[in-house]
């Protein structure tokens, strides 16, 4: 009987002190999982991530080289950059709508792999007096606390309009705050990219070097670029084997990247519906004729009048900017 009680006590002792269990592992198991998806949303992308940086961009070779040499290489090689006392320039992309300005800026962030903040006008809008001004200050302080940080301002003209003395003068304080925050931001580990369709609406003081260093015109895609866009966008879709990409590129003279994306998506949607209506469930391929019919019914988004205005703006803002001419623009499928 004593032996039995002794055995029970020994069993209870072991139960109370589980020596055979790794207590560190047990503690880890009891902890709630870390919110990795949230924490890493703007962190460096891992090699296994689907983000591919410039691999997702068709063409734009001149712009890729320009940005790589002047921006990405500097951030990736801080030791050498310090030796030569250089920092990445702040960049403003401008040009016709739908030509890949926003998309390309996001791909730069993936190439660099640093903290990334994309800001649109609504992010800093406020109904309070000077509320936007306070939000701008908070934005830059947050970026500095997580430096190095790449901030991308989309529709930048809406955030920093020309200062006036009329009823819209309430925006002057917000522009002044931007002027102060943009001054040599790279010295604080904050790097600036911005995009706009209307550089003429931006306050002139914002465009001064030291705030926005370089203005880069993103042109309409040329014939070769449009051909690459069709090849890229159709590469993973069911298509006929006799698609004439060069003819499609010739037919879409004056069309931007968004237009070509729309054409392909419309063709894809039509063949999807044809497939589900097929009794045998055979996948219906996208044909040359279908694409040509859609092109014939779709006018370019950017008119010739708009293009002439953008050419005038390029001559005004980037008269010597030969490197940014005729960039081959692409989009992500």
C-alpha atoms as a PDB file:
ATOM      1  CA  UNK A   1       0.000   0.000   0.000  1.00  0.00           C
ATOM      2  CA  UNK A   2       2.864   2.364   0.907  1.00  0.00           C
ATOM      3  CA  UNK A   3       4.535   1.498  -2.368  1.00  0.00           C
ATOM      4  CA  UNK A   4       1.340   2.336  -4.240  1.00  0.00           C
ATOM      5  CA  UNK A   5       1.007   5.752  -2.472  1.00  0.00           C
ATOM      6  CA  UNK A   6       4.676   6.458  -3.078  1.00  0.00           C
ATOM      7  CA  UNK A   7       4.207   5.746  -6.770  1.00  0.00           C
ATOM      8  CA  UNK A   8       1.165   8.070  -6.911  1.00  0.00           C
ATOM      9  CA  UNK A   9       3.120  10.886  -5.221  1.00  0.00           C
ATOM     10  CA  UNK A  10       5.986  10.428  -7.681  1.00  0.00           C
ATOM     11  CA  UNK A  11       3.513  10.522 -10.579  1.00  0.00           C
ATOM     12  CA  UNK A  12       1.891  13.726  -9.245  1.00  0.00           C
ATOM     13  CA  UNK A  13       5.328  15.322  -8.706  1.00  0.00           C
ATOM     14  CA  UNK A  14       6.307  14.649 -12.291  1.00  0.00           C
ATOM     15  CA  UNK A  15       2.954  15.940 -13.507  1.00  0.00           C
ATOM     16  CA  UNK A  16       3.484  19.212 -11.633  1.00  0.00           C
ATOM     17  CA  UNK A  17       7.061  19.646 -12.930  1.00  0.00           C
ATOM     18  CA  UNK A  18       7.236  18.380 -16.515  1.00  0.00           C
ATOM     19  CA  UNK A  19      11.032  18.080 -16.781  1.00  0.00           C
ATOM     20  CA  UNK A  20      10.825  16.332 -20.138  1.00  0.00           C
ATOM     21  CA  UNK A  21       9.207  19.388 -21.821  1.00  0.00           C
ATOM     22  CA  UNK A  22      11.254  22.260 -23.261  1.00  0.00           C
ATOM     23  CA  UNK A  23       9.820  25.133 -21.254  1.00  0.00           C
ATOM     24  CA  UNK A  24      11.039  27.709 -23.815  1.00  0.00           C
ATOM     25  CA  UNK A  25       9.113  25.905 -26.538  1.00  0.00           C
ATOM     26  CA  UNK A  26       6.062  25.679 -24.332  1.00  0.00           C
ATOM     27  CA  UNK A  27       6.181  29.408 -23.598  1.00  0.00           C
ATOM     28  CA  UNK A  28       6.498  30.168 -27.292  1.00  0.00           C
ATOM     29  CA  UNK A  29       3.515  27.965 -28.039  1.00  0.00           C
ATOM     30  CA  UNK A  30       1.376  29.828 -25.490  1.00  0.00           C
ATOM     31  CA  UNK A  31       2.192  33.248 -26.920  1.00  0.00           C
ATOM     32  CA  UNK A  32      -0.208  34.728 -29.480  1.00  0.00           C
ATOM     33  CA  UNK A  33       1.202  34.755 -33.014  1.00  0.00           C
ATOM     34  CA  UNK A  34       2.961  37.954 -34.091  1.00  0.00           C
ATOM     35  CA  UNK A  35       0.998  40.007 -36.628  1.00  0.00           C
ATOM     36  CA  UNK A  36       3.668  39.459 -39.285  1.00  0.00           C
ATOM     37  CA  UNK A  37       1.445  40.437 -42.192  1.00  0.00           C
ATOM     38  CA  UNK A  38       0.751  43.815 -40.608  1.00  0.00           C
ATOM     39  CA  UNK A  39       4.254  44.534 -39.363  1.00  0.00           C
ATOM     40  CA  UNK A  40       5.884  43.747 -42.704  1.00  0.00           C
ATOM     41  CA  UNK A  41       3.423  45.550 -44.934  1.00  0.00           C
ATOM     42  CA  UNK A  42       5.923  48.326 -45.689  1.00  0.00           C
ATOM     43  CA  UNK A  43       9.136  46.510 -44.745  1.00  0.00           C
ATOM     44  CA  UNK A  44      11.757  45.026 -47.017  1.00  0.00           C
ATOM     45  CA  UNK A  45      10.174  42.465 -49.330  1.00  0.00           C
ATOM     46  CA  UNK A  46      11.553  38.975 -48.896  1.00  0.00           C
ATOM     47  CA  UNK A  47      12.939  37.055 -51.892  1.00  0.00           C
ATOM     48  CA  UNK A  48       9.937  34.717 -51.776  1.00  0.00           C
ATOM     49  CA  UNK A  49       7.458  37.580 -52.055  1.00  0.00           C
ATOM     50  CA  UNK A  50       5.506  38.007 -55.269  1.00  0.00           C
ATOM     51  CA  UNK A  51       6.769  41.557 -55.563  1.00  0.00           C
ATOM     52  CA  UNK A  52       9.395  41.652 -58.300  1.00  0.00           C
ATOM     53  CA  UNK A  53      10.272  45.322 -58.630  1.00  0.00           C
ATOM     54  CA  UNK A  54      11.319  46.245 -62.143  1.00  0.00           C
ATOM     55  CA  UNK A  55      10.723  42.666 -63.345  1.00  0.00           C
ATOM     56  CA  UNK A  56       7.019  43.576 -63.407  1.00  0.00           C
ATOM     57  CA  UNK A  57       7.609  46.505 -65.750  1.00  0.00           C
ATOM     58  CA  UNK A  58       7.638  46.151 -69.527  1.00  0.00           C
ATOM     59  CA  UNK A  59      10.113  48.512 -71.139  1.00  0.00           C
ATOM     60  CA  UNK A  60      10.912  51.891 -69.532  1.00  0.00           C
ATOM     61  CA  UNK A  61      14.605  51.013 -69.931  1.00  0.00           C
ATOM     62  CA  UNK A  62      15.892  54.612 -69.972  1.00  0.00           C
ATOM     63  CA  UNK A  63      13.892  55.491 -66.883  1.00  0.00           C
ATOM     64  CA  UNK A  64      14.975  52.308 -65.087  1.00  0.00           C
ATOM     65  CA  UNK A  65      18.609  53.177 -65.741  1.00  0.00           C
ATOM     66  CA  UNK A  66      18.143  56.783 -64.665  1.00  0.00           C
ATOM     67  CA  UNK A  67      16.435  55.815 -61.394  1.00  0.00           C
ATOM     68  CA  UNK A  68      18.806  52.911 -60.713  1.00  0.00           C
ATOM     69  CA  UNK A  69      21.954  55.006 -61.089  1.00  0.00           C
ATOM     70  CA  UNK A  70      20.729  58.079 -59.264  1.00  0.00           C
ATOM     71  CA  UNK A  71      18.399  56.643 -56.654  1.00  0.00           C
ATOM     72  CA  UNK A  72      18.450  52.895 -56.054  1.00  0.00           C
ATOM     73  CA  UNK A  73      22.221  52.387 -56.190  1.00  0.00           C
ATOM     74  CA  UNK A  74      22.719  55.205 -53.695  1.00  0.00           C
ATOM     75  CA  UNK A  75      20.320  53.647 -51.191  1.00  0.00           C
ATOM     76  CA  UNK A  76      21.756  50.160 -51.630  1.00  0.00           C
ATOM     77  CA  UNK A  77      25.370  51.316 -51.194  1.00  0.00           C
ATOM     78  CA  UNK A  78      25.322  53.792 -48.288  1.00  0.00           C
ATOM     79  CA  UNK A  79      29.049  53.432 -47.514  1.00  0.00           C
ATOM     80  CA  UNK A  80      30.161  54.504 -50.968  1.00  0.00           C
ATOM     81  CA  UNK A  81      27.428  57.143 -51.110  1.00  0.00           C
ATOM     82  CA  UNK A  82      28.742  58.673 -47.891  1.00  0.00           C
ATOM     83  CA  UNK A  83      32.282  58.677 -49.294  1.00  0.00           C
ATOM     84  CA  UNK A  84      31.087  60.697 -52.280  1.00  0.00           C
ATOM     85  CA  UNK A  85      28.716  62.793 -50.132  1.00  0.00           C
ATOM     86  CA  UNK A  86      25.633  62.044 -52.230  1.00  0.00           C
ATOM     87  CA  UNK A  87      22.010  61.294 -51.373  1.00  0.00           C
ATOM     88  CA  UNK A  88      19.177  60.210 -53.682  1.00  0.00           C
ATOM     89  CA  UNK A  89      17.441  63.111 -55.437  1.00  0.00           C
ATOM     90  CA  UNK A  90      13.766  63.764 -54.821  1.00  0.00           C
ATOM     91  CA  UNK A  91      11.841  62.985 -58.012  1.00  0.00           C
ATOM     92  CA  UNK A  92       8.615  64.226 -59.593  1.00  0.00           C
ATOM     93  CA  UNK A  93       7.096  62.117 -62.377  1.00  0.00           C
ATOM     94  CA  UNK A  94       4.721  64.030 -64.631  1.00  0.00           C
ATOM     95  CA  UNK A  95       2.968  63.492 -67.926  1.00  0.00           C
ATOM     96  CA  UNK A  96      -0.279  62.186 -69.449  1.00  0.00           C
ATOM     97  CA  UNK A  97      -2.631  60.089 -67.330  1.00  0.00           C
ATOM     98  CA  UNK A  98      -2.444  56.309 -67.558  1.00  0.00           C
ATOM     99  CA  UNK A  99       1.227  56.060 -68.540  1.00  0.00           C
ATOM    100  CA  UNK A 100       2.533  54.208 -65.484  1.00  0.00           C
ATOM    101  CA  UNK A 101       3.773  56.961 -63.153  1.00  0.00           C
ATOM    102  CA  UNK A 102       2.181  55.553 -59.987  1.00  0.00           C
ATOM    103  CA  UNK A 103       2.937  51.971 -60.924  1.00  0.00           C
ATOM    104  CA  UNK A 104       6.595  52.708 -61.591  1.00  0.00           C
ATOM    105  CA  UNK A 105       6.988  54.547 -58.275  1.00  0.00           C
ATOM    106  CA  UNK A 106       5.639  51.509 -56.400  1.00  0.00           C
ATOM    107  CA  UNK A 107       8.083  49.262 -58.262  1.00  0.00           C
ATOM    108  CA  UNK A 108      10.962  51.519 -57.142  1.00  0.00           C
ATOM    109  CA  UNK A 109       9.936  50.876 -53.537  1.00  0.00           C
ATOM    110  CA  UNK A 110      10.093  47.121 -54.142  1.00  0.00           C
ATOM    111  CA  UNK A 111      13.541  47.450 -55.731  1.00  0.00           C
ATOM    112  CA  UNK A 112      14.896  49.444 -52.793  1.00  0.00           C
ATOM    113  CA  UNK A 113      13.219  47.342 -50.084  1.00  0.00           C
ATOM    114  CA  UNK A 114      12.880  50.064 -47.422  1.00  0.00           C
ATOM    115  CA  UNK A 115       9.919  51.408 -45.464  1.00  0.00           C
ATOM    116  CA  UNK A 116       7.389  52.708 -48.019  1.00  0.00           C
ATOM    117  CA  UNK A 117       4.512  55.133 -47.502  1.00  0.00           C
ATOM    118  CA  UNK A 118       2.074  55.922 -50.322  1.00  0.00           C
ATOM    119  CA  UNK A 119       0.108  59.125 -49.701  1.00  0.00           C
ATOM    120  CA  UNK A 120      -2.918  60.358 -51.658  1.00  0.00           C
ATOM    121  CA  UNK A 121      -4.727  63.676 -51.050  1.00  0.00           C
ATOM    122  CA  UNK A 122      -7.434  62.082 -48.898  1.00  0.00           C
ATOM    123  CA  UNK A 123      -4.781  60.804 -46.464  1.00  0.00           C
ATOM    124  CA  UNK A 124      -3.928  64.324 -45.334  1.00  0.00           C
ATOM    125  CA  UNK A 125      -7.317  65.988 -45.879  1.00  0.00           C
ATOM    126  CA  UNK A 126      -8.994  67.520 -42.819  1.00  0.00           C
ATOM    127  CA  UNK A 127     -12.125  69.535 -42.081  1.00  0.00           C
ATOM    128  CA  UNK A 128     -10.346  71.318 -39.232  1.00  0.00           C
ATOM    129  CA  UNK A 129      -8.550  74.625 -39.670  1.00  0.00           C
ATOM    130  CA  UNK A 130      -4.868  73.809 -40.178  1.00  0.00           C
ATOM    131  CA  UNK A 131      -5.747  70.134 -39.706  1.00  0.00           C
ATOM    132  CA  UNK A 132      -4.020  69.178 -42.945  1.00  0.00           C
ATOM    133  CA  UNK A 133      -0.970  71.164 -41.911  1.00  0.00           C
ATOM    134  CA  UNK A 134      -0.734  69.122 -38.713  1.00  0.00           C
ATOM    135  CA  UNK A 135      -1.181  65.870 -40.628  1.00  0.00           C
ATOM    136  CA  UNK A 136       1.688  66.763 -42.961  1.00  0.00           C
ATOM    137  CA  UNK A 137       3.967  67.335 -39.986  1.00  0.00           C
ATOM    138  CA  UNK A 138       2.892  64.051 -38.382  1.00  0.00           C
ATOM    139  CA  UNK A 139       3.496  62.231 -41.657  1.00  0.00           C
ATOM    140  CA  UNK A 140       7.096  63.378 -41.926  1.00  0.00           C
ATOM    141  CA  UNK A 141       7.788  62.726 -38.240  1.00  0.00           C
ATOM    142  CA  UNK A 142       6.491  59.177 -38.648  1.00  0.00           C
ATOM    143  CA  UNK A 143       8.624  58.695 -41.756  1.00  0.00           C
ATOM    144  CA  UNK A 144      11.710  59.937 -39.903  1.00  0.00           C
ATOM    145  CA  UNK A 145      11.031  57.615 -36.958  1.00  0.00           C
ATOM    146  CA  UNK A 146      11.082  54.654 -39.349  1.00  0.00           C
ATOM    147  CA  UNK A 147      13.891  55.917 -41.563  1.00  0.00           C
ATOM    148  CA  UNK A 148      15.050  55.136 -44.119  1.00  0.00           C
ATOM    149  CA  UNK A 149      11.614  55.785 -45.593  1.00  0.00           C
ATOM    150  CA  UNK A 150      10.459  56.293 -49.157  1.00  0.00           C
ATOM    151  CA  UNK A 151       7.365  58.529 -49.346  1.00  0.00           C
ATOM    152  CA  UNK A 152       5.367  58.520 -52.557  1.00  0.00           C
ATOM    153  CA  UNK A 153       2.905  61.392 -53.059  1.00  0.00           C
ATOM    154  CA  UNK A 154       0.293  60.597 -55.708  1.00  0.00           C
ATOM    155  CA  UNK A 155      -1.676  63.460 -57.305  1.00  0.00           C
ATOM    156  CA  UNK A 156       0.877  65.796 -55.790  1.00  0.00           C
ATOM    157  CA  UNK A 157      -0.625  68.917 -57.372  1.00  0.00           C
ATOM    158  CA  UNK A 158      -3.701  68.578 -55.125  1.00  0.00           C
ATOM    159  CA  UNK A 159      -1.498  68.680 -52.005  1.00  0.00           C
ATOM    160  CA  UNK A 160       0.761  71.609 -52.894  1.00  0.00           C
ATOM    161  CA  UNK A 161      -1.255  73.985 -55.130  1.00  0.00           C
ATOM    162  CA  UNK A 162       0.022  77.431 -55.966  1.00  0.00           C
ATOM    163  CA  UNK A 163      -0.389  79.801 -53.053  1.00  0.00           C
ATOM    164  CA  UNK A 164      -2.865  82.629 -53.555  1.00  0.00           C
ATOM    165  CA  UNK A 165      -4.282  85.686 -51.806  1.00  0.00           C
ATOM    166  CA  UNK A 166      -7.898  84.877 -52.608  1.00  0.00           C
ATOM    167  CA  UNK A 167     -10.466  82.740 -50.770  1.00  0.00           C
ATOM    168  CA  UNK A 168      -8.271  79.678 -51.247  1.00  0.00           C
ATOM    169  CA  UNK A 169      -5.522  81.260 -49.197  1.00  0.00           C
ATOM    170  CA  UNK A 170      -6.302  78.823 -46.376  1.00  0.00           C
ATOM    171  CA  UNK A 171      -4.139  76.292 -48.244  1.00  0.00           C
ATOM    172  CA  UNK A 172      -1.060  78.481 -47.962  1.00  0.00           C
ATOM    173  CA  UNK A 173      -0.234  77.162 -44.500  1.00  0.00           C
ATOM    174  CA  UNK A 174      -0.346  73.596 -45.760  1.00  0.00           C
ATOM    175  CA  UNK A 175       1.988  74.401 -48.643  1.00  0.00           C
ATOM    176  CA  UNK A 176       4.315  76.213 -46.230  1.00  0.00           C
ATOM    177  CA  UNK A 177       4.412  73.091 -44.063  1.00  0.00           C
ATOM    178  CA  UNK A 178       5.337  70.995 -47.089  1.00  0.00           C
ATOM    179  CA  UNK A 179       8.098  73.477 -47.959  1.00  0.00           C
ATOM    180  CA  UNK A 180       9.584  73.116 -44.490  1.00  0.00           C
ATOM    181  CA  UNK A 181       9.292  69.322 -44.410  1.00  0.00           C
ATOM    182  CA  UNK A 182      10.696  68.791 -47.919  1.00  0.00           C
ATOM    183  CA  UNK A 183      13.795  70.879 -47.260  1.00  0.00           C
ATOM    184  CA  UNK A 184      16.717  68.441 -47.491  1.00  0.00           C
ATOM    185  CA  UNK A 185      14.471  65.585 -46.365  1.00  0.00           C
ATOM    186  CA  UNK A 186      17.072  63.033 -47.484  1.00  0.00           C
ATOM    187  CA  UNK A 187      19.393  64.230 -44.712  1.00  0.00           C
ATOM    188  CA  UNK A 188      16.785  62.858 -42.280  1.00  0.00           C
ATOM    189  CA  UNK A 189      16.514  59.539 -44.109  1.00  0.00           C
ATOM    190  CA  UNK A 190      13.320  60.518 -45.957  1.00  0.00           C
ATOM    191  CA  UNK A 191      13.301  60.060 -49.721  1.00  0.00           C
ATOM    192  CA  UNK A 192      10.637  61.649 -51.895  1.00  0.00           C
ATOM    193  CA  UNK A 193       8.856  60.460 -55.023  1.00  0.00           C
ATOM    194  CA  UNK A 194       5.824  62.279 -56.374  1.00  0.00           C
ATOM    195  CA  UNK A 195       3.554  62.009 -59.395  1.00  0.00           C
ATOM    196  CA  UNK A 196       1.186  64.421 -61.114  1.00  0.00           C
ATOM    197  CA  UNK A 197      -0.626  65.024 -64.374  1.00  0.00           C
ATOM    198  CA  UNK A 198      -0.522  68.791 -63.760  1.00  0.00           C
ATOM    199  CA  UNK A 199       2.903  70.147 -62.747  1.00  0.00           C
ATOM    200  CA  UNK A 200       1.746  73.648 -63.723  1.00  0.00           C
ATOM    201  CA  UNK A 201      -0.614  73.626 -60.710  1.00  0.00           C
ATOM    202  CA  UNK A 202       2.172  72.982 -58.195  1.00  0.00           C
ATOM    203  CA  UNK A 203       3.544  75.917 -56.197  1.00  0.00           C
ATOM    204  CA  UNK A 204       6.806  77.026 -57.798  1.00  0.00           C
ATOM    205  CA  UNK A 205       8.696  77.003 -54.502  1.00  0.00           C
ATOM    206  CA  UNK A 206       8.009  73.275 -54.112  1.00  0.00           C
ATOM    207  CA  UNK A 207       9.838  72.579 -57.384  1.00  0.00           C
ATOM    208  CA  UNK A 208      13.044  74.212 -56.208  1.00  0.00           C
ATOM    209  CA  UNK A 209      16.085  71.908 -55.955  1.00  0.00           C
ATOM    210  CA  UNK A 210      16.548  70.703 -52.408  1.00  0.00           C
ATOM    211  CA  UNK A 211      12.806  70.028 -52.268  1.00  0.00           C
ATOM    212  CA  UNK A 212      12.072  68.441 -55.628  1.00  0.00           C
ATOM    213  CA  UNK A 213      15.400  67.945 -57.366  1.00  0.00           C
ATOM    214  CA  UNK A 214      14.456  66.350 -60.679  1.00  0.00           C
ATOM    215  CA  UNK A 215      11.343  66.492 -62.853  1.00  0.00           C
ATOM    216  CA  UNK A 216      10.972  63.476 -65.147  1.00  0.00           C
ATOM    217  CA  UNK A 217       8.493  63.403 -67.992  1.00  0.00           C
ATOM    218  CA  UNK A 218       6.782  60.023 -68.495  1.00  0.00           C
ATOM    219  CA  UNK A 219       5.873  59.872 -72.160  1.00  0.00           C
ATOM    220  CA  UNK A 220       3.170  57.949 -74.013  1.00  0.00           C
ATOM    221  CA  UNK A 221       4.271  54.404 -74.963  1.00  0.00           C
ATOM    222  CA  UNK A 222       5.721  54.176 -78.480  1.00  0.00           C
ATOM    223  CA  UNK A 223       5.073  51.347 -80.978  1.00  0.00           C
ATOM    224  CA  UNK A 224       7.675  49.009 -79.505  1.00  0.00           C
ATOM    225  CA  UNK A 225       6.379  49.629 -75.988  1.00  0.00           C
ATOM    226  CA  UNK A 226       2.769  48.993 -76.990  1.00  0.00           C
ATOM    227  CA  UNK A 227       3.790  45.734 -78.644  1.00  0.00           C
ATOM    228  CA  UNK A 228       5.554  44.688 -75.422  1.00  0.00           C
ATOM    229  CA  UNK A 229       2.465  45.621 -73.425  1.00  0.00           C
ATOM    230  CA  UNK A 230       0.215  43.391 -75.517  1.00  0.00           C
ATOM    231  CA  UNK A 231       2.696  40.501 -75.279  1.00  0.00           C
ATOM    232  CA  UNK A 232       2.991  40.859 -71.513  1.00  0.00           C
ATOM    233  CA  UNK A 233      -0.726  41.201 -70.859  1.00  0.00           C
ATOM    234  CA  UNK A 234      -1.758  38.300 -73.117  1.00  0.00           C
ATOM    235  CA  UNK A 235       1.067  35.946 -72.111  1.00  0.00           C
ATOM    236  CA  UNK A 236      -0.924  34.156 -69.389  1.00  0.00           C
ATOM    237  CA  UNK A 237      -4.319  34.153 -71.113  1.00  0.00           C
ATOM    238  CA  UNK A 238      -5.892  31.628 -73.523  1.00  0.00           C
ATOM    239  CA  UNK A 239      -5.157  33.069 -76.992  1.00  0.00           C
ATOM    240  CA  UNK A 240      -4.966  31.972 -80.603  1.00  0.00           C
ATOM    241  CA  UNK A 241      -1.479  31.170 -81.829  1.00  0.00           C
ATOM    242  CA  UNK A 242      -1.615  33.725 -84.646  1.00  0.00           C
ATOM    243  CA  UNK A 243      -1.872  36.957 -82.648  1.00  0.00           C
ATOM    244  CA  UNK A 244      -0.169  39.757 -84.608  1.00  0.00           C
ATOM    245  CA  UNK A 245       1.297  41.906 -81.824  1.00  0.00           C
ATOM    246  CA  UNK A 246       2.907  44.372 -84.184  1.00  0.00           C
ATOM    247  CA  UNK A 247      -0.414  45.069 -85.902  1.00  0.00           C
ATOM    248  CA  UNK A 248      -2.096  45.574 -82.529  1.00  0.00           C
ATOM    249  CA  UNK A 249       0.634  48.062 -81.608  1.00  0.00           C
ATOM    250  CA  UNK A 250       0.155  49.937 -84.885  1.00  0.00           C
ATOM    251  CA  UNK A 251      -3.611  50.056 -84.375  1.00  0.00           C
ATOM    252  CA  UNK A 252      -3.223  51.565 -80.903  1.00  0.00           C
ATOM    253  CA  UNK A 253      -1.102  54.558 -81.863  1.00  0.00           C
ATOM    254  CA  UNK A 254      -1.947  57.282 -79.343  1.00  0.00           C
ATOM    255  CA  UNK A 255      -3.241  54.822 -76.713  1.00  0.00           C
ATOM    256  CA  UNK A 256      -1.716  54.772 -73.224  1.00  0.00           C
ATOM    257  CA  UNK A 257      -0.986  51.832 -70.921  1.00  0.00           C
ATOM    258  CA  UNK A 258      -4.376  51.960 -69.250  1.00  0.00           C
ATOM    259  CA  UNK A 259      -6.103  51.835 -72.634  1.00  0.00           C
ATOM    260  CA  UNK A 260      -4.207  48.693 -73.629  1.00  0.00           C
ATOM    261  CA  UNK A 261      -4.935  47.100 -70.277  1.00  0.00           C
ATOM    262  CA  UNK A 262      -8.646  47.864 -70.799  1.00  0.00           C
ATOM    263  CA  UNK A 263      -8.616  46.321 -74.301  1.00  0.00           C
ATOM    264  CA  UNK A 264      -7.081  43.081 -73.043  1.00  0.00           C
ATOM    265  CA  UNK A 265      -9.363  42.852 -70.012  1.00  0.00           C
ATOM    266  CA  UNK A 266     -12.438  43.426 -72.187  1.00  0.00           C
ATOM    267  CA  UNK A 267     -11.369  40.632 -74.549  1.00  0.00           C
ATOM    268  CA  UNK A 268     -10.671  38.362 -71.594  1.00  0.00           C
ATOM    269  CA  UNK A 269     -14.095  39.034 -70.080  1.00  0.00           C
ATOM    270  CA  UNK A 270     -15.861  38.278 -73.375  1.00  0.00           C
ATOM    271  CA  UNK A 271     -14.083  34.937 -73.776  1.00  0.00           C
ATOM    272  CA  UNK A 272     -14.704  34.062 -70.129  1.00  0.00           C
ATOM    273  CA  UNK A 273     -18.454  34.447 -70.657  1.00  0.00           C
ATOM    274  CA  UNK A 274     -18.253  32.514 -73.920  1.00  0.00           C
ATOM    275  CA  UNK A 275     -16.473  29.681 -72.089  1.00  0.00           C
ATOM    276  CA  UNK A 276     -19.011  29.325 -69.286  1.00  0.00           C
ATOM    277  CA  UNK A 277     -21.803  29.381 -71.887  1.00  0.00           C
ATOM    278  CA  UNK A 278     -20.167  26.529 -73.817  1.00  0.00           C
ATOM    279  CA  UNK A 279     -21.898  23.207 -73.071  1.00  0.00           C
ATOM    280  CA  UNK A 280     -18.635  21.308 -73.222  1.00  0.00           C
ATOM    281  CA  UNK A 281     -16.747  23.841 -71.099  1.00  0.00           C
ATOM    282  CA  UNK A 282     -14.047  24.384 -73.728  1.00  0.00           C
ATOM    283  CA  UNK A 283     -11.936  27.449 -73.073  1.00  0.00           C
ATOM    284  CA  UNK A 284     -12.558  29.991 -75.799  1.00  0.00           C
ATOM    285  CA  UNK A 285      -9.336  31.681 -76.941  1.00  0.00           C
ATOM    286  CA  UNK A 286      -8.863  35.410 -77.401  1.00  0.00           C
ATOM    287  CA  UNK A 287      -8.545  36.051 -81.124  1.00  0.00           C
ATOM    288  CA  UNK A 288      -6.914  38.691 -83.263  1.00  0.00           C
ATOM    289  CA  UNK A 289     -10.295  39.715 -84.663  1.00  0.00           C
ATOM    290  CA  UNK A 290     -11.779  40.173 -81.206  1.00  0.00           C
ATOM    291  CA  UNK A 291      -8.913  42.423 -80.135  1.00  0.00           C
ATOM    292  CA  UNK A 292      -9.166  44.476 -83.317  1.00  0.00           C
ATOM    293  CA  UNK A 293     -12.932  44.876 -82.886  1.00  0.00           C
ATOM    294  CA  UNK A 294     -12.451  46.135 -79.323  1.00  0.00           C
ATOM    295  CA  UNK A 295      -9.736  48.572 -80.444  1.00  0.00           C
ATOM    296  CA  UNK A 296     -12.034  49.908 -83.174  1.00  0.00           C
ATOM    297  CA  UNK A 297     -14.725  50.634 -80.576  1.00  0.00           C
ATOM    298  CA  UNK A 298     -12.371  52.207 -78.018  1.00  0.00           C
ATOM    299  CA  UNK A 299     -11.071  55.754 -78.455  1.00  0.00           C
ATOM    300  CA  UNK A 300      -7.763  56.764 -76.782  1.00  0.00           C
ATOM    301  CA  UNK A 301      -8.122  58.223 -73.294  1.00  0.00           C
ATOM    302  CA  UNK A 302      -5.699  61.056 -74.014  1.00  0.00           C
ATOM    303  CA  UNK A 303      -6.746  63.356 -76.849  1.00  0.00           C
ATOM    304  CA  UNK A 304      -4.342  64.907 -79.342  1.00  0.00           C
ATOM    305  CA  UNK A 305      -5.154  68.279 -77.790  1.00  0.00           C
ATOM    306  CA  UNK A 306      -4.108  66.960 -74.363  1.00  0.00           C
ATOM    307  CA  UNK A 307      -0.864  65.611 -75.817  1.00  0.00           C
ATOM    308  CA  UNK A 308       0.004  68.979 -77.344  1.00  0.00           C
ATOM    309  CA  UNK A 309      -0.522  70.573 -73.932  1.00  0.00           C
ATOM    310  CA  UNK A 310       1.737  67.997 -72.266  1.00  0.00           C
ATOM    311  CA  UNK A 311       4.419  68.634 -74.882  1.00  0.00           C
ATOM    312  CA  UNK A 312       4.209  72.321 -74.027  1.00  0.00           C
ATOM    313  CA  UNK A 313       4.556  71.495 -70.314  1.00  0.00           C
ATOM    314  CA  UNK A 314       7.569  69.297 -70.986  1.00  0.00           C
ATOM    315  CA  UNK A 315       9.256  72.128 -72.873  1.00  0.00           C
ATOM    316  CA  UNK A 316       8.516  74.422 -69.927  1.00  0.00           C
ATOM    317  CA  UNK A 317       9.513  72.144 -67.042  1.00  0.00           C
ATOM    318  CA  UNK A 318      12.158  69.872 -68.603  1.00  0.00           C
ATOM    319  CA  UNK A 319      13.653  71.673 -71.619  1.00  0.00           C
ATOM    320  CA  UNK A 320      16.968  69.818 -71.237  1.00  0.00           C
ATOM    321  CA  UNK A 321      15.507  66.520 -70.009  1.00  0.00           C
ATOM    322  CA  UNK A 322      16.586  64.340 -72.944  1.00  0.00           C
ATOM    323  CA  UNK A 323      16.967  61.247 -70.744  1.00  0.00           C
ATOM    324  CA  UNK A 324      13.241  61.084 -70.000  1.00  0.00           C
ATOM    325  CA  UNK A 325      12.025  61.197 -73.592  1.00  0.00           C
ATOM    326  CA  UNK A 326      10.116  58.312 -75.147  1.00  0.00           C
ATOM    327  CA  UNK A 327      10.247  55.943 -72.196  1.00  0.00           C
ATOM    328  CA  UNK A 328       8.741  52.536 -72.902  1.00  0.00           C
ATOM    329  CA  UNK A 329       5.970  52.218 -70.332  1.00  0.00           C
ATOM    330  CA  UNK A 330       4.559  48.936 -69.026  1.00  0.00           C
ATOM    331  CA  UNK A 331       1.969  47.690 -66.588  1.00  0.00           C
ATOM    332  CA  UNK A 332       1.573  44.707 -64.268  1.00  0.00           C
ATOM    333  CA  UNK A 333      -0.746  41.814 -65.167  1.00  0.00           C
END
